[in-house]
C-alpha atoms as a PDB file:
ATOM      1  CA  MET A   1    -106.399  -4.751 -46.101  1.00  0.00           C
ATOM      2  CA  ASP A   2    -109.368  -3.149 -47.361  1.00  0.00           C
ATOM      3  CA  ASP A   3    -111.889  -0.832 -45.335  1.00  0.00           C
ATOM      4  CA  GLU A   4    -114.049  -3.398 -44.190  1.00  0.00           C
ATOM      5  CA  GLU A   5    -111.274  -5.745 -42.727  1.00  0.00           C
ATOM      6  CA  MET A   6    -109.656  -2.312 -41.130  1.00  0.00           C
ATOM      7  CA  ALA A   7    -113.122  -1.672 -39.504  1.00  0.00           C
ATOM      8  CA  ASN A   8    -113.519  -5.412 -38.346  1.00  0.00           C
ATOM      9  CA  MET A   9    -110.187  -5.347 -36.871  1.00  0.00           C
ATOM     10  CA  ALA A  10    -110.909  -1.996 -35.074  1.00  0.00           C
ATOM     11  CA  LEU A  11    -114.176  -3.400 -33.713  1.00  0.00           C
ATOM     12  CA  THR A  12    -112.512  -6.705 -32.553  1.00  0.00           C
ATOM     13  CA  LEU A  13    -109.638  -4.466 -30.747  1.00  0.00           C
ATOM     14  CA  CYS A  14    -112.602  -2.242 -28.994  1.00  0.00           C
ATOM     15  CA  HIS A  15    -114.240  -5.462 -28.098  1.00  0.00           C
ATOM     16  CA  GLN A  16    -111.003  -7.162 -26.493  1.00  0.00           C
ATOM     17  CA  THR A  17    -110.259  -3.823 -24.462  1.00  0.00           C
ATOM     18  CA  ASP A  18    -113.915  -3.711 -23.078  1.00  0.00           C
ATOM     19  CA  LYS A  19    -113.655  -7.152 -21.918  1.00  0.00           C
ATOM     20  CA  MET A  20    -110.153  -6.737 -20.314  1.00  0.00           C
ATOM     21  CA  MET A  21    -111.364  -3.550 -18.598  1.00  0.00           C
ATOM     22  CA  CYS A  22    -114.556  -5.321 -17.378  1.00  0.00           C
ATOM     23  CA  ALA A  23    -112.345  -7.925 -16.101  1.00  0.00           C
ATOM     24  CA  TYR A  24    -110.102  -5.596 -14.450  1.00  0.00           C
ATOM     25  CA  ILE A  25    -113.056  -3.425 -12.643  1.00  0.00           C
ATOM     26  CA  GLU A  26    -114.537  -6.718 -11.481  1.00  0.00           C
ATOM     27  CA  ASN A  27    -111.001  -7.613 -10.058  1.00  0.00           C
ATOM     28  CA  LEU A  28    -110.668  -4.264  -8.206  1.00  0.00           C
ATOM     29  CA  GLU A  29    -114.389  -4.873  -6.849  1.00  0.00           C
ATOM     30  CA  LYS A  30    -113.549  -8.004  -5.511  1.00  0.00           C
ATOM     31  CA  GLY A  31    -110.442  -6.768  -3.549  1.00  0.00           C
ATOM     32  CA  PHE A  32    -112.312  -3.805  -2.491  1.00  0.00           C
ATOM     33  CA  VAL A  33    -114.943  -6.367  -0.669  1.00  0.00           C
ATOM     34  CA  THR A  34    -112.303  -8.908   0.689  1.00  0.00           C
ATOM     35  CA  GLU A  35    -109.486  -6.348   1.661  1.00  0.00           C
ATOM     36  CA  GLY A  36    -111.392  -3.295   1.995  1.00  0.00           C
ATOM     37  CA  GLY A  37    -110.447   0.297   0.654  1.00  0.00           C
ATOM     38  CA  ILE A  38    -107.021   2.188   1.135  1.00  0.00           C
ATOM     39  CA  LYS A  39    -108.218   4.022   4.616  1.00  0.00           C
ATOM     40  CA  GLU A  40    -109.291   0.568   6.157  1.00  0.00           C
ATOM     41  CA  ARG A  41    -105.869  -1.078   5.177  1.00  0.00           C
ATOM     42  CA  MET A  42    -104.133   2.037   6.671  1.00  0.00           C
ATOM     43  CA  TYR A  43    -106.224   1.690   9.690  1.00  0.00           C
ATOM     44  CA  ALA A  44    -105.515  -2.280   9.993  1.00  0.00           C
ATOM     45  CA  ALA A  45    -101.767  -1.350   9.474  1.00  0.00           C
ATOM     46  CA  ARG A  46    -101.728   1.154  12.082  1.00  0.00           C
ATOM     47  CA  THR A  47    -103.683  -0.572  14.764  1.00  0.00           C
ATOM     48  CA  GLY A  48    -101.560  -3.724  14.046  1.00  0.00           C
ATOM     49  CA  TYR A  49     -98.381  -1.898  14.579  1.00  0.00           C
ATOM     50  CA  ARG A  50     -99.726  -0.372  17.966  1.00  0.00           C
ATOM     51  CA  GLN A  51    -100.852  -3.863  19.082  1.00  0.00           C
ATOM     52  CA  MET A  52     -97.323  -5.188  18.401  1.00  0.00           C
ATOM     53  CA  LEU A  53     -95.734  -2.504  20.413  1.00  0.00           C
ATOM     54  CA  ASP A  54     -97.975  -2.694  23.112  1.00  0.00           C
ATOM     55  CA  ALA A  55     -97.522  -6.449  23.378  1.00  0.00           C
ATOM     56  CA  ARG A  56     -93.455  -5.561  23.447  1.00  0.00           C
ATOM     57  CA  MET A  57     -93.917  -3.272  26.011  1.00  0.00           C
ATOM     58  CA  ARG A  58     -96.027  -5.397  28.317  1.00  0.00           C
ATOM     59  CA  ALA A  59     -93.310  -8.236  27.836  1.00  0.00           C
ATOM     60  CA  LEU A  60     -90.503  -5.787  28.799  1.00  0.00           C
ATOM     61  CA  GLU A  61     -92.407  -4.488  31.759  1.00  0.00           C
ATOM     62  CA  THR A  62     -93.042  -8.007  32.951  1.00  0.00           C
ATOM     63  CA  GLU A  63     -89.149  -8.808  32.223  1.00  0.00           C
ATOM     64  CA  ASN A  64     -88.320  -5.544  34.069  1.00  0.00           C
ATOM     65  CA  GLN A  65     -90.377  -6.711  37.378  1.00  0.00           C
ATOM     66  CA  GLN A  66     -88.701 -10.142  36.985  1.00  0.00           C
ATOM     67  CA  LEU A  67     -85.182  -8.408  36.835  1.00  0.00           C
ATOM     68  CA  LYS A  68     -85.871  -6.228  39.955  1.00  0.00           C
ATOM     69  CA  LYS A  69     -87.086  -9.047  41.729  1.00  0.00           C
ATOM     70  CA  ARG A  70     -83.929 -11.137  41.015  1.00  0.00           C
ATOM     71  CA  ILE A  71     -82.134  -7.792  42.057  1.00  0.00           C
ATOM     72  CA  LYS A  72     -83.677  -8.001  45.446  1.00  0.00           C
ATOM     73  CA  GLU A  73     -82.990 -11.652  45.907  1.00  0.00           C
ATOM     74  CA  LEU A  74     -79.109 -11.270  45.201  1.00  0.00           C
ATOM     75  CA  GLU A  75     -78.808  -8.224  47.432  1.00  0.00           C
ATOM     76  CA  ALA A  76     -80.099  -9.797  50.276  1.00  0.00           C
ATOM     77  CA  GLU A  77     -77.967 -12.948  49.430  1.00  0.00           C
ATOM     78  CA  LEU A  78     -75.062 -10.424  49.401  1.00  0.00           C
ATOM     79  CA  LYS A  79     -76.011  -8.897  52.717  1.00  0.00           C
ATOM     80  CA  ARG A  80     -76.429 -12.437  54.392  1.00  0.00           C
ATOM     81  CA  LEU A  81     -72.949 -13.289  52.885  1.00  0.00           C
ATOM     82  CA  GLY A  82     -71.601  -9.958  54.120  1.00  0.00           C
ATOM     83  CA  GLU A  83     -72.850 -10.685  57.772  1.00  0.00           C
ATOM     84  CA  ARG A  84     -71.255 -14.111  57.942  1.00  0.00           C
ATOM     85  CA  VAL A  85     -67.595 -12.795  57.337  1.00  0.00           C
END
């Protein structure tokens, strides 16, 4: 390879690298616009987790109330059965 061919190959390599870097930056920009930055994603993850915990807590509280009601019903039934004997 002579000097001219080596220079052309180096220039081609530079152009290909530039094209790939521009495409990579463009991809990063699209990702930032659609998904947001790291802080936004961290906030979404935290709030999503908290919402899931809140929903689970509400479900458990509802179940707890139902169980307490059922216990009172069973205690009343036991009392009635005890009075029969």
